[in-house]
Amino acid sequence: MALYAVQQPRRLRQIALDVLVVLWIGFWAWQGWATWSSIHSLTEPTQKAQQASTGMAENLAAAGDVLGAIPLLGDTAAEPFHRAAEQAVKLAEGATESEDAITSLAWKLGLSLALVPTVLLLAFHGPPRLRFIRESTQARAYLDGGGAPDLLALRALSNQPLDVLTRVHPDPSAAWRQGDVATIHTLAAMELHRVGLEAPRAAGIDPDPRGHTR
């Protein structure tokens, strides 16, 4: 797999850009984690409130049970404690719901902050980067398999700007159809340069063709 161009300036630019992408992703991942951690820390008071309310409910219920055991006056004396215990249970449930809501908000904001900038960057950087890797790998495999320069020249006719092609030959498509060796080799070298490869001299292709852009 060809990840980077063989031409040194272009290779360095690609590596630098990939490093910047990794740093960008790492920065926003850290920002997302920091946001999640900061918001999630707000659940500590709700946890304490839930624990306190639960303990209060248990104590009030126990006190009501003790008073309820008193003959004659037991039920009357225990009723306020049982009602207070029910209210304490509701407070505990409310604290639990608040904790769940804060946790959910922490996840949503943290993930959004981490993923949105990353996805936006990859949407612009990813497709051309993957296209380069695919085309460069395919071209390298074609050369390694002993492929002729004619097909590479044909791809250059499709991919290179018209003004670049006409600097190679006034009518490059006609020259390709007629089998003009010099034009075909120049076009093939231009296509290889486009996908980050150098034209091999063994294939008879000039490694520094006329008309290509660096």
N, C-alpha and C. Protein backbone atom coordinates (compact mmCIF):
# COMPACT_ATOMS: atom_id res chain seq x y z
N MET A 1 0.85 -1.20 0.00
CA MET A 1 0.00 0.00 0.00
C MET A 1 0.88 1.25 0.00
N ALA A 2 0.60 2.16 -0.91
CA ALA A 2 1.37 3.40 -1.02
C ALA A 2 0.66 4.50 -0.25
N LEU A 3 1.18 4.83 0.91
CA LEU A 3 0.54 5.85 1.75
C LEU A 3 0.97 7.26 1.38
N TYR A 4 2.22 7.39 0.91
CA TYR A 4 2.76 8.72 0.64
C TYR A 4 3.46 8.74 -0.71
N ALA A 5 3.59 9.95 -1.25
CA ALA A 5 4.29 10.12 -2.52
C ALA A 5 5.78 9.87 -2.34
N VAL A 6 6.44 9.49 -3.43
CA VAL A 6 7.88 9.28 -3.35
C VAL A 6 8.63 10.60 -3.51
N GLN A 7 8.01 11.61 -4.12
CA GLN A 7 8.65 12.91 -4.24
C GLN A 7 8.76 13.55 -2.86
N GLN A 8 9.98 13.91 -2.47
CA GLN A 8 10.22 14.31 -1.09
C GLN A 8 9.39 15.51 -0.63
N PRO A 9 9.33 16.61 -1.37
CA PRO A 9 8.53 17.74 -0.87
C PRO A 9 7.06 17.36 -0.67
N ARG A 10 6.51 16.66 -1.64
CA ARG A 10 5.10 16.26 -1.53
C ARG A 10 4.91 15.27 -0.39
N ARG A 11 5.85 14.36 -0.23
CA ARG A 11 5.77 13.37 0.85
C ARG A 11 5.77 14.06 2.21
N LEU A 12 6.66 15.05 2.37
CA LEU A 12 6.72 15.77 3.64
C LEU A 12 5.42 16.52 3.91
N ARG A 13 4.83 17.11 2.87
CA ARG A 13 3.56 17.80 3.05
C ARG A 13 2.47 16.84 3.49
N GLN A 14 2.43 15.67 2.87
CA GLN A 14 1.41 14.68 3.23
C GLN A 14 1.59 14.20 4.67
N ILE A 15 2.83 13.92 5.04
CA ILE A 15 3.09 13.47 6.41
C ILE A 15 2.71 14.55 7.41
N ALA A 16 3.11 15.80 7.11
CA ALA A 16 2.79 16.91 8.01
C ALA A 16 1.28 17.08 8.16
N LEU A 17 0.56 16.94 7.04
CA LEU A 17 -0.90 17.09 7.10
C LEU A 17 -1.53 15.96 7.91
N ASP A 18 -1.03 14.74 7.73
CA ASP A 18 -1.56 13.62 8.52
C ASP A 18 -1.29 13.82 10.01
N VAL A 19 -0.11 14.33 10.33
CA VAL A 19 0.20 14.60 11.74
C VAL A 19 -0.74 15.65 12.31
N LEU A 20 -1.01 16.70 11.53
CA LEU A 20 -1.94 17.73 11.97
C LEU A 20 -3.34 17.16 12.17
N VAL A 21 -3.75 16.25 11.30
CA VAL A 21 -5.07 15.62 11.45
C VAL A 21 -5.13 14.82 12.75
N VAL A 22 -4.06 14.06 13.03
CA VAL A 22 -4.03 13.27 14.27
C VAL A 22 -4.07 14.20 15.48
N LEU A 23 -3.30 15.29 15.43
CA LEU A 23 -3.30 16.24 16.55
C LEU A 23 -4.68 16.89 16.71
N TRP A 24 -5.32 17.22 15.61
CA TRP A 24 -6.67 17.80 15.65
C TRP A 24 -7.64 16.84 16.32
N ILE A 25 -7.61 15.57 15.90
CA ILE A 25 -8.51 14.57 16.48
C ILE A 25 -8.21 14.39 17.97
N GLY A 26 -6.91 14.33 18.31
CA GLY A 26 -6.54 14.17 19.71
C GLY A 26 -6.97 15.36 20.56
N PHE A 27 -6.83 16.57 20.01
CA PHE A 27 -7.22 17.78 20.76
C PHE A 27 -8.71 17.76 21.06
N TRP A 28 -9.55 17.49 20.05
CA TRP A 28 -10.99 17.51 20.27
C TRP A 28 -11.46 16.32 21.09
N ALA A 29 -10.74 15.20 21.01
CA ALA A 29 -11.07 14.08 21.89
C ALA A 29 -10.81 14.47 23.35
N TRP A 30 -9.69 15.17 23.57
CA TRP A 30 -9.39 15.63 24.93
C TRP A 30 -10.42 16.65 25.39
N GLN A 31 -10.82 17.57 24.51
CA GLN A 31 -11.84 18.55 24.86
C GLN A 31 -13.16 17.86 25.20
N GLY A 32 -13.51 16.85 24.43
CA GLY A 32 -14.74 16.11 24.71
C GLY A 32 -14.68 15.41 26.06
N TRP A 33 -13.53 14.80 26.35
CA TRP A 33 -13.39 14.12 27.65
C TRP A 33 -13.45 15.13 28.79
N ALA A 34 -12.78 16.28 28.62
CA ALA A 34 -12.79 17.31 29.67
C ALA A 34 -14.20 17.83 29.92
N THR A 35 -14.96 18.01 28.84
CA THR A 35 -16.35 18.47 28.99
C THR A 35 -17.18 17.42 29.70
N TRP A 36 -17.03 16.16 29.30
CA TRP A 36 -17.77 15.08 29.96
C TRP A 36 -17.42 15.03 31.45
N SER A 37 -16.13 15.11 31.76
CA SER A 37 -15.69 15.01 33.16
C SER A 37 -16.23 16.18 33.98
N SER A 38 -16.19 17.38 33.40
CA SER A 38 -16.65 18.56 34.13
C SER A 38 -18.15 18.49 34.44
N ILE A 39 -18.94 18.11 33.43
CA ILE A 39 -20.39 18.03 33.64
C ILE A 39 -20.74 16.86 34.55
N HIS A 40 -20.06 15.74 34.35
CA HIS A 40 -20.38 14.55 35.15
C HIS A 40 -20.07 14.76 36.63
N SER A 41 -19.13 15.67 36.92
CA SER A 41 -18.81 15.94 38.33
C SER A 41 -19.99 16.55 39.07
N LEU A 42 -20.93 17.12 38.32
CA LEU A 42 -22.12 17.71 38.94
C LEU A 42 -23.05 16.65 39.52
N THR A 43 -22.80 15.38 39.21
CA THR A 43 -23.65 14.32 39.76
C THR A 43 -23.30 14.01 41.22
N GLU A 44 -22.15 14.49 41.69
CA GLU A 44 -21.76 14.18 43.07
C GLU A 44 -22.77 14.72 44.08
N PRO A 45 -23.23 15.98 43.98
CA PRO A 45 -24.25 16.45 44.93
C PRO A 45 -25.55 15.65 44.85
N THR A 46 -25.95 15.28 43.64
CA THR A 46 -27.20 14.52 43.52
C THR A 46 -27.04 13.13 44.11
N GLN A 47 -25.85 12.54 43.98
CA GLN A 47 -25.61 11.24 44.60
C GLN A 47 -25.71 11.35 46.12
N LYS A 48 -25.12 12.40 46.67
CA LYS A 48 -25.20 12.59 48.12
C LYS A 48 -26.64 12.83 48.56
N ALA A 49 -27.39 13.62 47.77
CA ALA A 49 -28.80 13.86 48.11
C ALA A 49 -29.60 12.57 48.04
N GLN A 50 -29.30 11.75 47.05
CA GLN A 50 -30.02 10.47 46.92
C GLN A 50 -29.72 9.56 48.11
N GLN A 51 -28.45 9.49 48.50
CA GLN A 51 -28.08 8.66 49.63
C GLN A 51 -28.70 9.17 50.93
N ALA A 52 -28.66 10.50 51.11
CA ALA A 52 -29.24 11.08 52.34
C ALA A 52 -30.74 10.86 52.39
N SER A 53 -31.42 11.03 51.27
CA SER A 53 -32.87 10.85 51.23
C SER A 53 -33.24 9.40 51.48
N THR A 54 -32.46 8.49 50.92
CA THR A 54 -32.73 7.07 51.14
C THR A 54 -32.54 6.71 52.60
N GLY A 55 -31.45 7.21 53.21
CA GLY A 55 -31.23 6.94 54.62
C GLY A 55 -32.31 7.54 55.50
N MET A 56 -32.75 8.76 55.15
CA MET A 56 -33.82 9.39 55.92
C MET A 56 -35.11 8.59 55.81
N ALA A 57 -35.42 8.12 54.61
CA ALA A 57 -36.65 7.33 54.42
C ALA A 57 -36.61 6.06 55.25
N GLU A 58 -35.46 5.41 55.27
CA GLU A 58 -35.33 4.18 56.05
C GLU A 58 -35.49 4.47 57.55
N ASN A 59 -34.88 5.55 58.03
CA ASN A 59 -34.97 5.88 59.45
C ASN A 59 -36.39 6.28 59.85
N LEU A 60 -37.05 7.06 58.99
CA LEU A 60 -38.43 7.46 59.30
C LEU A 60 -39.36 6.26 59.28
N ALA A 61 -39.16 5.38 58.32
CA ALA A 61 -40.00 4.19 58.26
C ALA A 61 -39.78 3.31 59.49
N ALA A 62 -38.52 3.19 59.92
CA ALA A 62 -38.23 2.40 61.11
C ALA A 62 -38.86 3.02 62.35
N ALA A 63 -38.77 4.35 62.45
CA ALA A 63 -39.40 5.02 63.60
C ALA A 63 -40.90 4.84 63.58
N GLY A 64 -41.51 4.92 62.40
CA GLY A 64 -42.95 4.71 62.29
C GLY A 64 -43.34 3.31 62.71
N ASP A 65 -42.50 2.34 62.33
CA ASP A 65 -42.80 0.95 62.71
C ASP A 65 -42.74 0.78 64.23
N VAL A 66 -41.76 1.44 64.85
CA VAL A 66 -41.65 1.34 66.32
C VAL A 66 -42.87 1.97 66.99
N LEU A 67 -43.25 3.15 66.53
CA LEU A 67 -44.42 3.81 67.12
C LEU A 67 -45.70 3.05 66.80
N GLY A 68 -45.73 2.42 65.65
CA GLY A 68 -46.93 1.67 65.29
C GLY A 68 -47.17 0.48 66.18
N ALA A 69 -46.11 0.04 66.85
CA ALA A 69 -46.27 -1.10 67.75
C ALA A 69 -46.87 -0.72 69.10
N ILE A 70 -47.03 0.58 69.36
CA ILE A 70 -47.62 1.02 70.63
C ILE A 70 -49.13 0.76 70.60
N PRO A 71 -49.66 0.12 71.59
CA PRO A 71 -51.11 -0.16 71.60
C PRO A 71 -51.93 1.13 71.60
N LEU A 72 -53.04 1.09 70.94
CA LEU A 72 -54.03 2.17 70.88
C LEU A 72 -53.53 3.38 70.07
N LEU A 73 -52.42 3.98 70.45
CA LEU A 73 -51.93 5.19 69.77
C LEU A 73 -50.96 4.89 68.64
N GLY A 74 -50.62 3.65 68.41
CA GLY A 74 -49.56 3.30 67.46
C GLY A 74 -49.80 3.80 66.06
N ASP A 75 -50.96 3.49 65.48
CA ASP A 75 -51.22 3.88 64.08
C ASP A 75 -51.23 5.39 63.92
N THR A 76 -51.86 6.08 64.87
CA THR A 76 -51.94 7.54 64.79
C THR A 76 -50.55 8.17 64.89
N ALA A 77 -49.75 7.66 65.81
CA ALA A 77 -48.40 8.22 65.99
C ALA A 77 -47.48 7.88 64.83
N ALA A 78 -47.68 6.70 64.20
CA ALA A 78 -46.78 6.26 63.13
C ALA A 78 -47.08 6.91 61.79
N GLU A 79 -48.35 7.35 61.59
CA GLU A 79 -48.74 7.85 60.27
C GLU A 79 -47.88 9.01 59.78
N PRO A 80 -47.58 10.05 60.59
CA PRO A 80 -46.73 11.14 60.09
C PRO A 80 -45.34 10.67 59.66
N PHE A 81 -44.80 9.70 60.37
CA PHE A 81 -43.48 9.19 60.02
C PHE A 81 -43.51 8.43 58.70
N HIS A 82 -44.57 7.66 58.49
CA HIS A 82 -44.69 6.91 57.23
C HIS A 82 -44.86 7.86 56.05
N ARG A 83 -45.65 8.93 56.27
CA ARG A 83 -45.82 9.91 55.19
C ARG A 83 -44.49 10.62 54.90
N ALA A 84 -43.77 10.96 55.94
CA ALA A 84 -42.47 11.61 55.75
C ALA A 84 -41.49 10.67 55.05
N ALA A 85 -41.57 9.37 55.37
CA ALA A 85 -40.71 8.39 54.70
C ALA A 85 -41.02 8.32 53.21
N GLU A 86 -42.32 8.38 52.86
CA GLU A 86 -42.71 8.35 51.45
C GLU A 86 -42.17 9.58 50.72
N GLN A 87 -42.23 10.74 51.36
CA GLN A 87 -41.70 11.95 50.75
C GLN A 87 -40.17 11.86 50.57
N ALA A 88 -39.51 11.26 51.54
CA ALA A 88 -38.06 11.09 51.43
C ALA A 88 -37.70 10.16 50.27
N VAL A 89 -38.53 9.12 50.08
CA VAL A 89 -38.32 8.22 48.94
C VAL A 89 -38.46 8.98 47.62
N LYS A 90 -39.47 9.86 47.56
CA LYS A 90 -39.66 10.65 46.34
C LYS A 90 -38.46 11.58 46.10
N LEU A 91 -37.92 12.14 47.20
CA LEU A 91 -36.73 12.97 47.05
C LEU A 91 -35.56 12.16 46.50
N ALA A 92 -35.42 10.94 46.99
CA ALA A 92 -34.34 10.07 46.50
C ALA A 92 -34.53 9.75 45.02
N GLU A 93 -35.78 9.48 44.62
CA GLU A 93 -36.06 9.19 43.22
C GLU A 93 -35.77 10.41 42.34
N GLY A 94 -36.13 11.60 42.84
CA GLY A 94 -35.84 12.83 42.10
C GLY A 94 -34.34 13.05 41.93
N ALA A 95 -33.58 12.76 42.98
CA ALA A 95 -32.13 12.90 42.90
C ALA A 95 -31.54 11.93 41.89
N THR A 96 -32.09 10.70 41.86
CA THR A 96 -31.62 9.70 40.89
C THR A 96 -31.92 10.15 39.47
N GLU A 97 -33.11 10.68 39.25
CA GLU A 97 -33.47 11.18 37.92
C GLU A 97 -32.57 12.34 37.49
N SER A 98 -32.26 13.22 38.43
CA SER A 98 -31.36 14.33 38.12
C SER A 98 -29.97 13.83 37.76
N GLU A 99 -29.51 12.82 38.50
CA GLU A 99 -28.20 12.24 38.20
C GLU A 99 -28.18 11.63 36.80
N ASP A 100 -29.25 10.91 36.45
CA ASP A 100 -29.32 10.31 35.12
C ASP A 100 -29.34 11.38 34.03
N ALA A 101 -30.08 12.46 34.27
CA ALA A 101 -30.16 13.54 33.28
C ALA A 101 -28.80 14.22 33.09
N ILE A 102 -28.09 14.46 34.19
CA ILE A 102 -26.78 15.09 34.09
C ILE A 102 -25.80 14.17 33.37
N THR A 103 -25.84 12.88 33.69
CA THR A 103 -24.95 11.93 33.03
C THR A 103 -25.23 11.88 31.53
N SER A 104 -26.50 11.86 31.17
CA SER A 104 -26.87 11.84 29.75
C SER A 104 -26.38 13.10 29.04
N LEU A 105 -26.55 14.26 29.69
CA LEU A 105 -26.09 15.52 29.10
C LEU A 105 -24.58 15.52 28.95
N ALA A 106 -23.87 14.98 29.93
CA ALA A 106 -22.41 14.93 29.86
C ALA A 106 -21.95 14.10 28.66
N TRP A 107 -22.59 12.95 28.45
CA TRP A 107 -22.23 12.11 27.31
C TRP A 107 -22.54 12.80 25.99
N LYS A 108 -23.72 13.41 25.90
CA LYS A 108 -24.11 14.05 24.63
C LYS A 108 -23.18 15.20 24.27
N LEU A 109 -22.90 16.07 25.24
CA LEU A 109 -22.03 17.21 24.96
C LEU A 109 -20.59 16.77 24.72
N GLY A 110 -20.12 15.82 25.52
CA GLY A 110 -18.74 15.35 25.36
C GLY A 110 -18.52 14.69 24.01
N LEU A 111 -19.44 13.79 23.62
CA LEU A 111 -19.30 13.12 22.33
C LEU A 111 -19.47 14.10 21.17
N SER A 112 -20.41 15.03 21.31
CA SER A 112 -20.62 16.01 20.23
C SER A 112 -19.37 16.86 20.03
N LEU A 113 -18.78 17.30 21.13
CA LEU A 113 -17.59 18.15 21.03
C LEU A 113 -16.42 17.38 20.44
N ALA A 114 -16.34 16.08 20.71
CA ALA A 114 -15.24 15.29 20.18
C ALA A 114 -15.48 14.88 18.73
N LEU A 115 -16.72 14.53 18.40
CA LEU A 115 -16.99 13.93 17.09
C LEU A 115 -17.24 14.95 15.98
N VAL A 116 -17.96 16.02 16.29
CA VAL A 116 -18.34 16.96 15.21
C VAL A 116 -17.12 17.55 14.50
N PRO A 117 -16.14 18.14 15.21
CA PRO A 117 -14.96 18.65 14.50
C PRO A 117 -14.19 17.55 13.78
N THR A 118 -14.13 16.36 14.39
CA THR A 118 -13.41 15.26 13.76
C THR A 118 -14.08 14.82 12.48
N VAL A 119 -15.40 14.66 12.52
CA VAL A 119 -16.13 14.22 11.33
C VAL A 119 -16.05 15.27 10.23
N LEU A 120 -16.15 16.55 10.59
CA LEU A 120 -16.07 17.61 9.58
C LEU A 120 -14.70 17.61 8.90
N LEU A 121 -13.64 17.45 9.68
CA LEU A 121 -12.31 17.42 9.09
C LEU A 121 -12.13 16.21 8.19
N LEU A 122 -12.54 15.03 8.68
CA LEU A 122 -12.37 13.81 7.89
C LEU A 122 -13.22 13.84 6.64
N ALA A 123 -14.35 14.55 6.68
CA ALA A 123 -15.20 14.64 5.49
C ALA A 123 -14.48 15.37 4.36
N PHE A 124 -13.60 16.32 4.72
CA PHE A 124 -12.85 17.05 3.71
C PHE A 124 -11.50 16.38 3.41
N HIS A 125 -10.84 15.91 4.44
CA HIS A 125 -9.49 15.35 4.27
C HIS A 125 -9.53 13.89 3.84
N GLY A 126 -10.50 13.13 4.32
CA GLY A 126 -10.51 11.70 4.09
C GLY A 126 -10.65 11.28 2.63
N PRO A 127 -11.68 11.75 1.90
CA PRO A 127 -11.87 11.27 0.52
C PRO A 127 -10.66 11.49 -0.40
N PRO A 128 -10.09 12.72 -0.47
CA PRO A 128 -8.92 12.86 -1.35
C PRO A 128 -7.71 12.06 -0.87
N ARG A 129 -7.58 11.92 0.44
CA ARG A 129 -6.45 11.14 0.96
C ARG A 129 -6.60 9.66 0.59
N LEU A 130 -7.79 9.13 0.77
CA LEU A 130 -8.03 7.73 0.42
C LEU A 130 -7.94 7.52 -1.08
N ARG A 131 -8.39 8.51 -1.86
CA ARG A 131 -8.31 8.40 -3.32
C ARG A 131 -6.85 8.36 -3.76
N PHE A 132 -6.00 9.19 -3.14
CA PHE A 132 -4.58 9.15 -3.48
C PHE A 132 -3.98 7.79 -3.16
N ILE A 133 -4.28 7.26 -1.97
CA ILE A 133 -3.72 5.96 -1.58
C ILE A 133 -4.17 4.88 -2.55
N ARG A 134 -5.44 4.90 -2.91
CA ARG A 134 -5.96 3.88 -3.83
C ARG A 134 -5.30 3.98 -5.20
N GLU A 135 -5.25 5.19 -5.75
CA GLU A 135 -4.69 5.36 -7.09
C GLU A 135 -3.19 5.08 -7.11
N SER A 136 -2.48 5.53 -6.09
CA SER A 136 -1.05 5.28 -6.03
C SER A 136 -0.75 3.80 -5.89
N THR A 137 -1.52 3.11 -5.05
CA THR A 137 -1.32 1.67 -4.87
C THR A 137 -1.62 0.92 -6.16
N GLN A 138 -2.69 1.29 -6.85
CA GLN A 138 -3.04 0.63 -8.10
C GLN A 138 -1.97 0.87 -9.17
N ALA A 139 -1.48 2.10 -9.25
CA ALA A 139 -0.45 2.41 -10.25
C ALA A 139 0.85 1.66 -9.95
N ARG A 140 1.20 1.56 -8.67
CA ARG A 140 2.41 0.83 -8.30
C ARG A 140 2.27 -0.65 -8.67
N ALA A 141 1.09 -1.22 -8.38
CA ALA A 141 0.87 -2.62 -8.73
C ALA A 141 0.92 -2.81 -10.24
N TYR A 142 0.39 -1.84 -10.99
CA TYR A 142 0.41 -1.93 -12.46
C TYR A 142 1.85 -1.92 -12.97
N LEU A 143 2.69 -1.05 -12.41
CA LEU A 143 4.09 -1.01 -12.82
C LEU A 143 4.82 -2.28 -12.43
N ASP A 144 4.58 -2.75 -11.20
CA ASP A 144 5.25 -3.97 -10.74
C ASP A 144 4.86 -5.17 -11.59
N GLY A 145 3.66 -5.13 -12.16
CA GLY A 145 3.21 -6.22 -13.03
C GLY A 145 3.69 -6.08 -14.46
N GLY A 146 4.54 -5.09 -14.73
CA GLY A 146 5.07 -4.92 -16.08
C GLY A 146 4.12 -4.25 -17.04
N GLY A 147 3.19 -3.46 -16.53
CA GLY A 147 2.22 -2.79 -17.38
C GLY A 147 2.87 -1.78 -18.32
N ALA A 148 2.32 -1.67 -19.52
CA ALA A 148 2.83 -0.74 -20.52
C ALA A 148 2.40 0.68 -20.19
N PRO A 149 3.14 1.67 -20.68
CA PRO A 149 2.80 3.06 -20.37
C PRO A 149 1.55 3.57 -21.09
N ASP A 150 1.04 2.83 -22.06
CA ASP A 150 -0.10 3.32 -22.85
C ASP A 150 -1.31 3.61 -21.97
N LEU A 151 -1.61 2.70 -21.04
CA LEU A 151 -2.78 2.89 -20.18
C LEU A 151 -2.58 4.08 -19.24
N LEU A 152 -1.36 4.23 -18.75
CA LEU A 152 -1.08 5.38 -17.90
C LEU A 152 -1.23 6.68 -18.68
N ALA A 153 -0.80 6.67 -19.93
CA ALA A 153 -0.96 7.86 -20.77
C ALA A 153 -2.43 8.17 -21.00
N LEU A 154 -3.23 7.13 -21.18
CA LEU A 154 -4.67 7.34 -21.37
C LEU A 154 -5.30 7.97 -20.13
N ARG A 155 -4.87 7.52 -18.96
CA ARG A 155 -5.39 8.11 -17.73
C ARG A 155 -4.96 9.57 -17.60
N ALA A 156 -3.75 9.87 -18.06
CA ALA A 156 -3.30 11.26 -18.02
C ALA A 156 -4.18 12.14 -18.89
N LEU A 157 -4.62 11.61 -20.03
CA LEU A 157 -5.51 12.38 -20.90
C LEU A 157 -6.82 12.71 -20.20
N SER A 158 -7.23 11.85 -19.27
CA SER A 158 -8.49 12.08 -18.54
C SER A 158 -8.30 12.96 -17.32
N ASN A 159 -7.11 12.92 -16.72
CA ASN A 159 -6.92 13.57 -15.42
C ASN A 159 -6.19 14.90 -15.48
N GLN A 160 -5.35 15.11 -16.48
CA GLN A 160 -4.56 16.33 -16.52
C GLN A 160 -5.35 17.49 -17.13
N PRO A 161 -5.10 18.72 -16.69
CA PRO A 161 -5.76 19.89 -17.30
C PRO A 161 -5.37 20.03 -18.77
N LEU A 162 -6.26 20.64 -19.53
CA LEU A 162 -6.06 20.76 -20.97
C LEU A 162 -4.81 21.57 -21.30
N ASP A 163 -4.56 22.64 -20.55
CA ASP A 163 -3.38 23.46 -20.86
C ASP A 163 -2.09 22.70 -20.62
N VAL A 164 -2.10 21.79 -19.65
CA VAL A 164 -0.91 20.97 -19.39
C VAL A 164 -0.72 19.97 -20.52
N LEU A 165 -1.81 19.37 -20.98
CA LEU A 165 -1.72 18.38 -22.05
C LEU A 165 -1.22 19.01 -23.35
N THR A 166 -1.70 20.20 -23.66
CA THR A 166 -1.29 20.83 -24.92
C THR A 166 0.16 21.29 -24.88
N ARG A 167 0.76 21.40 -23.71
CA ARG A 167 2.19 21.69 -23.65
C ARG A 167 3.01 20.47 -24.00
N VAL A 168 2.42 19.30 -23.83
CA VAL A 168 3.10 18.07 -24.21
C VAL A 168 3.03 17.86 -25.72
N HIS A 169 1.85 18.10 -26.29
CA HIS A 169 1.63 17.91 -27.73
C HIS A 169 0.42 18.74 -28.12
N PRO A 170 0.44 19.36 -29.30
CA PRO A 170 -0.73 20.15 -29.71
C PRO A 170 -2.02 19.35 -29.74
N ASP A 171 -1.93 18.08 -30.09
CA ASP A 171 -3.10 17.20 -30.10
C ASP A 171 -2.72 15.89 -29.41
N PRO A 172 -2.69 15.88 -28.08
CA PRO A 172 -2.18 14.71 -27.36
C PRO A 172 -3.01 13.45 -27.58
N SER A 173 -4.32 13.59 -27.71
CA SER A 173 -5.14 12.39 -27.93
C SER A 173 -4.83 11.75 -29.27
N ALA A 174 -4.62 12.57 -30.31
CA ALA A 174 -4.25 12.02 -31.62
C ALA A 174 -2.88 11.36 -31.54
N ALA A 175 -1.95 12.00 -30.83
CA ALA A 175 -0.62 11.41 -30.68
C ALA A 175 -0.71 10.07 -29.95
N TRP A 176 -1.60 9.98 -28.96
CA TRP A 176 -1.75 8.70 -28.24
C TRP A 176 -2.32 7.63 -29.17
N ARG A 177 -3.33 8.00 -29.98
CA ARG A 177 -3.93 7.03 -30.90
C ARG A 177 -2.93 6.56 -31.96
N GLN A 178 -2.04 7.46 -32.35
CA GLN A 178 -1.05 7.11 -33.37
C GLN A 178 0.16 6.39 -32.79
N GLY A 179 0.19 6.24 -31.48
CA GLY A 179 1.29 5.52 -30.84
C GLY A 179 2.58 6.32 -30.77
N ASP A 180 2.47 7.64 -30.67
CA ASP A 180 3.66 8.49 -30.54
C ASP A 180 4.36 8.14 -29.22
N VAL A 181 5.51 7.48 -29.32
CA VAL A 181 6.18 6.96 -28.13
C VAL A 181 6.57 8.07 -27.17
N ALA A 182 7.14 9.15 -27.69
CA ALA A 182 7.59 10.23 -26.81
C ALA A 182 6.42 10.84 -26.05
N THR A 183 5.31 11.08 -26.76
CA THR A 183 4.14 11.65 -26.11
C THR A 183 3.55 10.69 -25.08
N ILE A 184 3.45 9.42 -25.45
CA ILE A 184 2.90 8.42 -24.53
C ILE A 184 3.74 8.33 -23.26
N HIS A 185 5.06 8.32 -23.42
CA HIS A 185 5.93 8.23 -22.24
C HIS A 185 5.82 9.47 -21.37
N THR A 186 5.71 10.63 -22.01
CA THR A 186 5.56 11.86 -21.24
C THR A 186 4.24 11.87 -20.48
N LEU A 187 3.16 11.48 -21.15
CA LEU A 187 1.86 11.43 -20.49
C LEU A 187 1.86 10.40 -19.36
N ALA A 188 2.48 9.26 -19.59
CA ALA A 188 2.55 8.23 -18.55
C ALA A 188 3.30 8.74 -17.32
N ALA A 189 4.41 9.45 -17.57
CA ALA A 189 5.17 10.01 -16.46
C ALA A 189 4.36 11.05 -15.70
N MET A 190 3.57 11.84 -16.42
CA MET A 190 2.71 12.82 -15.76
C MET A 190 1.68 12.15 -14.87
N GLU A 191 1.10 11.05 -15.35
CA GLU A 191 0.11 10.33 -14.54
C GLU A 191 0.76 9.72 -13.30
N LEU A 192 1.95 9.16 -13.47
CA LEU A 192 2.65 8.59 -12.32
C LEU A 192 2.99 9.69 -11.30
N HIS A 193 3.41 10.83 -11.81
CA HIS A 193 3.71 11.94 -10.90
C HIS A 193 2.46 12.39 -10.16
N ARG A 194 1.32 12.37 -10.83
CA ARG A 194 0.06 12.79 -10.20
C ARG A 194 -0.28 11.91 -9.01
N VAL A 195 0.02 10.61 -9.12
CA VAL A 195 -0.32 9.67 -8.04
C VAL A 195 0.87 9.45 -7.11
N GLY A 196 1.89 10.32 -7.21
CA GLY A 196 2.98 10.27 -6.25
C GLY A 196 4.07 9.28 -6.53
N LEU A 197 4.21 8.84 -7.77
CA LEU A 197 5.24 7.87 -8.13
C LEU A 197 6.22 8.47 -9.12
N GLU A 198 7.42 7.90 -9.15
CA GLU A 198 8.40 8.28 -10.15
C GLU A 198 8.36 7.27 -11.29
N ALA A 199 8.53 7.77 -12.51
CA ALA A 199 8.52 6.88 -13.67
C ALA A 199 9.80 6.07 -13.71
N PRO A 200 9.70 4.75 -13.80
CA PRO A 200 10.91 3.91 -13.85
C PRO A 200 11.60 4.02 -15.20
N ARG A 201 12.92 4.23 -15.19
CA ARG A 201 13.66 4.30 -16.45
C ARG A 201 13.65 2.97 -17.19
N ALA A 202 13.49 1.89 -16.42
CA ALA A 202 13.48 0.57 -17.06
C ALA A 202 12.32 0.42 -18.01
N ALA A 203 11.25 1.18 -17.76
CA ALA A 203 10.09 1.10 -18.64
C ALA A 203 10.20 2.05 -19.82
N GLY A 204 11.33 2.77 -19.91
CA GLY A 204 11.51 3.69 -21.01
C GLY A 204 10.77 4.99 -20.85
N ILE A 205 10.34 5.32 -19.64
CA ILE A 205 9.59 6.54 -19.39
C ILE A 205 10.51 7.58 -18.79
N ASP A 206 10.49 8.76 -19.34
CA ASP A 206 11.30 9.85 -18.80
C ASP A 206 10.79 10.21 -17.41
N PRO A 207 11.62 10.09 -16.37
CA PRO A 207 11.14 10.36 -15.01
C PRO A 207 10.86 11.84 -14.75
N ASP A 208 11.28 12.73 -15.65
CA ASP A 208 11.01 14.16 -15.46
C ASP A 208 10.35 14.69 -16.73
N PRO A 209 9.06 14.39 -16.94
CA PRO A 209 8.41 14.68 -18.20
C PRO A 209 8.18 16.17 -18.41
N ARG A 210 8.01 16.53 -19.66
CA ARG A 210 7.65 17.91 -19.99
C ARG A 210 6.20 18.15 -19.62
N GLY A 211 5.96 19.35 -19.13
CA GLY A 211 4.58 19.78 -18.97
C GLY A 211 3.92 19.38 -17.68
N HIS A 212 4.53 18.54 -16.84
CA HIS A 212 3.82 18.18 -15.61
C HIS A 212 3.99 19.28 -14.58
N THR A 213 3.10 19.29 -13.62
CA THR A 213 3.16 20.27 -12.54
C THR A 213 3.62 19.59 -11.28
N ARG A 214 4.51 20.24 -10.53
CA ARG A 214 5.01 19.66 -9.29
C ARG A 214 4.29 20.27 -8.11
